[in-house]
Structures are given as C-alpha cells and as structure tokens.
C-alpha cells in the first residue's frame, strides 16, 4: 500500500479529474448507520480517483485523498472535505 503525504492541509480545496461525481462505493465501517468511506469516480471512466473518510464517526468527511493520475498513489491529501462534500444518503431500513 502506498504512503500518503505526511502533511495534511486544513481547508484546502482539492482538484479532481472531472466535474461529475459518481459514487462507486459507500461503506458504514462502524455499523452506526452513517457512511464512513466514500469512493468516487469524478471523470466517468469507472475508476476511483476521490476517496473520503469519516474517521471519528460524526458523519462528516475528515480526510480527502485524490489520485489524479489513478496510479494508486494519492496525489493530494487534505483535512476535511476538500470542497467536495458527499451527497447525503437517505435513511435506510435494516431488516
């Protein structure tokens, strides 16, 4: 697994490859009913280039990583949503 850059800027807007937002994956890793991980394709090629993480379980993005050249190594890592807040999912019902 590749290493992310050591410095994380606060309130920095990140550049993505396109203007679209197609969520490829959303995951609730701590089973609290809120999304914790968003994996996004911003240029419509079917490959993820934007990754967002809620690390403290409050339902808000804490870390954003962008892989502009889609080589598997993050090109940008920023604190917060990087100007790209995810769309909120409607409440789900679990059986």
N, C-alpha and C. Protein backbone atom coordinates (compact mmCIF):
# COMPACT_ATOMS: atom_id res chain seq x y z
N UNK A 1 0.83 -1.16 0.00
CA UNK A 1 0.00 0.00 0.00
C UNK A 1 0.89 1.23 0.00
N UNK A 2 0.49 2.25 -0.73
CA UNK A 2 1.30 3.45 -0.84
C UNK A 2 1.14 4.35 0.38
N UNK A 3 2.14 5.15 0.62
CA UNK A 3 2.12 6.07 1.74
C UNK A 3 1.53 7.40 1.30
N UNK A 4 0.65 7.97 2.13
CA UNK A 4 0.10 9.29 1.87
C UNK A 4 1.13 10.33 2.28
N UNK A 5 1.07 11.52 1.65
CA UNK A 5 1.97 12.59 2.07
C UNK A 5 1.81 12.86 3.55
N UNK A 6 2.90 13.25 4.23
CA UNK A 6 2.87 13.44 5.66
C UNK A 6 2.08 14.66 6.09
N UNK A 7 2.14 15.75 5.32
CA UNK A 7 1.42 16.95 5.72
C UNK A 7 0.00 16.93 5.18
N UNK A 8 -0.91 17.37 6.02
CA UNK A 8 -2.32 17.46 5.63
C UNK A 8 -2.73 18.91 5.85
N UNK A 9 -3.13 19.57 4.78
CA UNK A 9 -3.53 20.97 4.85
C UNK A 9 -4.97 21.09 5.32
N UNK A 10 -5.27 22.17 6.02
CA UNK A 10 -6.62 22.43 6.50
C UNK A 10 -7.35 23.35 5.54
N UNK A 11 -8.60 23.04 5.26
CA UNK A 11 -9.47 23.88 4.42
C UNK A 11 -8.93 24.10 3.02
N UNK A 12 -8.23 23.15 2.48
CA UNK A 12 -7.70 23.25 1.13
C UNK A 12 -8.69 22.61 0.16
N UNK A 13 -8.95 23.27 -0.97
CA UNK A 13 -9.81 22.69 -2.00
C UNK A 13 -8.95 21.81 -2.90
N UNK A 14 -9.43 20.60 -3.16
CA UNK A 14 -8.65 19.68 -4.00
C UNK A 14 -9.19 19.67 -5.41
N UNK A 15 -8.30 19.44 -6.36
CA UNK A 15 -8.66 19.34 -7.76
C UNK A 15 -8.92 17.87 -8.08
N UNK A 16 -9.98 17.61 -8.82
CA UNK A 16 -10.27 16.25 -9.27
C UNK A 16 -10.12 16.19 -10.78
N UNK A 17 -10.30 15.03 -11.37
CA UNK A 17 -10.10 14.88 -12.81
C UNK A 17 -11.28 15.38 -13.62
N UNK A 18 -12.47 15.48 -13.01
CA UNK A 18 -13.64 15.92 -13.76
C UNK A 18 -14.61 16.65 -12.86
N UNK A 19 -15.77 16.98 -13.41
CA UNK A 19 -16.77 17.72 -12.65
C UNK A 19 -17.91 16.83 -12.15
N UNK A 20 -17.96 15.59 -12.61
CA UNK A 20 -19.03 14.68 -12.21
C UNK A 20 -18.68 14.02 -10.89
N UNK A 21 -19.71 13.50 -10.23
CA UNK A 21 -19.48 12.73 -9.01
C UNK A 21 -20.32 11.46 -9.11
N UNK A 22 -19.66 10.33 -9.32
CA UNK A 22 -20.34 9.06 -9.37
C UNK A 22 -19.80 8.21 -8.22
N UNK A 23 -20.62 8.02 -7.20
CA UNK A 23 -20.18 7.21 -6.06
C UNK A 23 -20.10 5.75 -6.47
N UNK A 24 -18.92 5.18 -6.35
CA UNK A 24 -18.71 3.78 -6.67
C UNK A 24 -18.96 2.90 -5.46
N UNK A 25 -18.68 3.44 -4.27
CA UNK A 25 -18.82 2.68 -3.04
C UNK A 25 -19.03 3.63 -1.88
N UNK A 26 -19.94 3.25 -1.00
CA UNK A 26 -20.11 3.92 0.28
C UNK A 26 -20.12 2.81 1.32
N UNK A 27 -19.44 3.03 2.42
CA UNK A 27 -19.37 1.97 3.43
C UNK A 27 -19.58 2.55 4.83
N UNK A 28 -20.31 1.79 5.63
CA UNK A 28 -20.51 2.10 7.04
C UNK A 28 -19.61 1.13 7.80
N UNK A 29 -18.40 1.55 8.10
CA UNK A 29 -17.42 0.63 8.67
C UNK A 29 -17.63 0.34 10.15
N UNK A 30 -18.31 1.24 10.88
CA UNK A 30 -18.52 1.00 12.31
C UNK A 30 -19.97 0.66 12.64
N UNK A 31 -20.78 0.44 11.61
CA UNK A 31 -22.16 -0.04 11.76
C UNK A 31 -23.03 0.89 12.61
N UNK A 32 -22.83 2.22 12.43
CA UNK A 32 -23.64 3.18 13.18
C UNK A 32 -24.75 3.80 12.33
N UNK A 33 -24.88 3.33 11.08
CA UNK A 33 -25.92 3.85 10.20
C UNK A 33 -25.50 5.06 9.38
N UNK A 34 -24.27 5.54 9.55
CA UNK A 34 -23.75 6.68 8.80
C UNK A 34 -22.60 6.20 7.91
N UNK A 35 -22.49 6.79 6.72
CA UNK A 35 -21.40 6.45 5.82
C UNK A 35 -20.08 6.92 6.41
N UNK A 36 -19.05 6.06 6.35
CA UNK A 36 -17.72 6.38 6.85
C UNK A 36 -16.67 6.48 5.75
N UNK A 37 -16.93 5.85 4.60
CA UNK A 37 -15.99 5.83 3.49
C UNK A 37 -16.76 6.08 2.20
N UNK A 38 -16.25 7.01 1.38
CA UNK A 38 -16.81 7.29 0.06
C UNK A 38 -15.71 7.06 -0.96
N UNK A 39 -15.99 6.27 -2.00
CA UNK A 39 -15.06 6.04 -3.10
C UNK A 39 -15.76 6.54 -4.35
N UNK A 40 -15.14 7.51 -5.05
CA UNK A 40 -15.83 8.27 -6.08
C UNK A 40 -15.04 8.29 -7.38
N UNK A 41 -15.76 8.24 -8.49
CA UNK A 41 -15.21 8.45 -9.84
C UNK A 41 -15.66 9.83 -10.28
N UNK A 42 -14.73 10.76 -10.46
CA UNK A 42 -15.10 12.13 -10.84
C UNK A 42 -15.01 12.40 -12.33
N UNK A 43 -14.48 11.45 -13.11
CA UNK A 43 -14.33 11.71 -14.54
C UNK A 43 -15.09 10.71 -15.42
N UNK A 44 -15.85 9.82 -14.83
CA UNK A 44 -16.72 8.93 -15.60
C UNK A 44 -16.04 7.76 -16.27
N UNK A 45 -14.79 7.45 -15.89
CA UNK A 45 -14.11 6.33 -16.54
C UNK A 45 -14.28 5.01 -15.79
N UNK A 46 -15.04 5.03 -14.68
CA UNK A 46 -15.29 3.82 -13.92
C UNK A 46 -14.23 3.48 -12.91
N UNK A 47 -13.19 4.32 -12.79
CA UNK A 47 -12.13 4.09 -11.82
C UNK A 47 -12.16 5.18 -10.75
N UNK A 48 -11.95 4.79 -9.53
CA UNK A 48 -11.99 5.74 -8.41
C UNK A 48 -10.79 6.68 -8.46
N UNK A 49 -11.07 7.96 -8.20
CA UNK A 49 -9.99 8.93 -8.09
C UNK A 49 -10.17 9.88 -6.90
N UNK A 50 -11.26 9.72 -6.16
CA UNK A 50 -11.52 10.53 -4.97
C UNK A 50 -11.93 9.60 -3.84
N UNK A 51 -11.26 9.72 -2.71
CA UNK A 51 -11.54 8.88 -1.55
C UNK A 51 -11.75 9.79 -0.35
N UNK A 52 -12.85 9.60 0.38
CA UNK A 52 -13.15 10.43 1.54
C UNK A 52 -13.46 9.54 2.73
N UNK A 53 -13.01 9.98 3.91
CA UNK A 53 -13.13 9.16 5.11
C UNK A 53 -13.66 9.97 6.28
N UNK A 54 -14.63 9.40 7.01
CA UNK A 54 -15.08 9.93 8.30
C UNK A 54 -14.36 9.11 9.35
N UNK A 55 -13.36 9.69 9.98
CA UNK A 55 -12.53 8.93 10.91
C UNK A 55 -13.03 8.96 12.35
N UNK A 56 -13.97 9.86 12.65
CA UNK A 56 -14.43 9.95 14.04
C UNK A 56 -15.91 9.62 14.23
N UNK A 57 -16.59 9.17 13.16
CA UNK A 57 -17.96 8.68 13.29
C UNK A 57 -19.03 9.75 13.41
N UNK A 58 -18.71 11.01 13.06
CA UNK A 58 -19.72 12.06 13.18
C UNK A 58 -20.52 12.27 11.90
N UNK A 59 -20.26 11.48 10.86
CA UNK A 59 -21.00 11.58 9.61
C UNK A 59 -20.45 12.63 8.65
N UNK A 60 -19.36 13.29 9.01
CA UNK A 60 -18.75 14.31 8.16
C UNK A 60 -17.36 13.86 7.73
N UNK A 61 -16.96 14.29 6.52
CA UNK A 61 -15.65 13.91 5.98
C UNK A 61 -14.54 14.56 6.78
N UNK A 62 -13.57 13.74 7.22
CA UNK A 62 -12.41 14.25 7.96
C UNK A 62 -11.15 14.29 7.09
N UNK A 63 -11.02 13.36 6.18
CA UNK A 63 -9.84 13.27 5.31
C UNK A 63 -10.30 13.04 3.88
N UNK A 64 -9.71 13.77 2.92
CA UNK A 64 -9.97 13.57 1.49
C UNK A 64 -8.65 13.28 0.79
N UNK A 65 -8.65 12.23 -0.04
CA UNK A 65 -7.49 11.90 -0.84
C UNK A 65 -7.91 11.88 -2.30
N UNK A 66 -7.05 12.42 -3.17
CA UNK A 66 -7.31 12.45 -4.61
C UNK A 66 -6.15 11.78 -5.33
N UNK A 67 -6.48 10.87 -6.24
CA UNK A 67 -5.49 10.19 -7.08
C UNK A 67 -5.73 10.66 -8.51
N UNK A 68 -5.13 11.80 -8.88
CA UNK A 68 -5.39 12.43 -10.17
C UNK A 68 -5.03 11.54 -11.36
N UNK A 69 -3.91 10.83 -11.29
CA UNK A 69 -3.50 10.00 -12.42
C UNK A 69 -3.93 8.55 -12.27
N UNK A 70 -4.70 8.25 -11.22
CA UNK A 70 -5.25 6.91 -10.98
C UNK A 70 -4.19 5.82 -11.01
N UNK A 71 -3.04 6.11 -10.39
CA UNK A 71 -1.97 5.12 -10.33
C UNK A 71 -1.92 4.38 -8.99
N UNK A 72 -2.86 4.68 -8.11
CA UNK A 72 -2.92 4.03 -6.81
C UNK A 72 -2.19 4.77 -5.71
N UNK A 73 -1.51 5.86 -6.05
CA UNK A 73 -0.81 6.68 -5.06
C UNK A 73 -1.53 8.01 -4.93
N UNK A 74 -1.93 8.41 -3.71
CA UNK A 74 -2.62 9.68 -3.55
C UNK A 74 -1.74 10.86 -3.98
N UNK A 75 -2.33 11.76 -4.78
CA UNK A 75 -1.61 12.96 -5.21
C UNK A 75 -1.88 14.13 -4.28
N UNK A 76 -3.02 14.13 -3.63
CA UNK A 76 -3.40 15.18 -2.68
C UNK A 76 -4.07 14.52 -1.49
N UNK A 77 -3.72 14.97 -0.29
CA UNK A 77 -4.41 14.54 0.93
C UNK A 77 -4.69 15.81 1.71
N UNK A 78 -5.97 16.05 2.01
CA UNK A 78 -6.34 17.26 2.73
C UNK A 78 -7.22 16.93 3.93
N UNK A 79 -7.18 17.80 4.91
CA UNK A 79 -8.02 17.69 6.09
C UNK A 79 -9.40 18.22 5.73
N UNK A 80 -10.44 17.46 6.01
CA UNK A 80 -11.81 17.89 5.70
C UNK A 80 -12.29 17.39 4.35
N UNK A 81 -13.38 18.01 3.84
CA UNK A 81 -13.99 17.50 2.61
C UNK A 81 -13.34 18.00 1.34
N UNK A 82 -12.33 18.86 1.44
CA UNK A 82 -11.61 19.33 0.26
C UNK A 82 -12.49 20.07 -0.72
N UNK A 83 -13.59 20.65 -0.24
CA UNK A 83 -14.51 21.35 -1.12
C UNK A 83 -15.44 20.40 -1.87
N UNK A 84 -15.40 19.12 -1.55
CA UNK A 84 -16.19 18.10 -2.24
C UNK A 84 -17.03 17.31 -1.24
N UNK A 85 -17.99 17.95 -0.60
CA UNK A 85 -18.81 17.19 0.37
C UNK A 85 -19.64 16.14 -0.34
N UNK A 86 -19.73 14.96 0.23
CA UNK A 86 -20.53 13.89 -0.40
C UNK A 86 -22.01 14.17 -0.26
N UNK A 87 -22.79 13.65 -1.20
CA UNK A 87 -24.24 13.74 -1.10
C UNK A 87 -24.69 12.85 0.05
N UNK A 88 -25.68 13.30 0.78
CA UNK A 88 -26.17 12.52 1.90
C UNK A 88 -27.11 11.42 1.41
N UNK A 89 -26.97 10.25 1.98
CA UNK A 89 -27.86 9.14 1.66
C UNK A 89 -29.14 9.28 2.44
N UNK A 90 -30.26 8.88 1.87
CA UNK A 90 -31.50 8.85 2.66
C UNK A 90 -31.38 7.78 3.73
N UNK A 91 -32.13 7.90 4.81
CA UNK A 91 -32.09 6.87 5.86
C UNK A 91 -32.41 5.50 5.29
N UNK A 92 -31.76 4.49 5.82
CA UNK A 92 -32.00 3.13 5.36
C UNK A 92 -32.72 2.35 6.45
N UNK A 93 -33.41 1.33 6.02
CA UNK A 93 -34.12 0.46 6.96
C UNK A 93 -33.42 -0.89 6.93
N UNK A 94 -33.02 -1.38 8.10
CA UNK A 94 -32.38 -2.68 8.16
C UNK A 94 -33.39 -3.71 8.64
N UNK A 95 -33.39 -4.85 7.99
CA UNK A 95 -34.32 -5.92 8.36
C UNK A 95 -33.74 -6.79 9.43
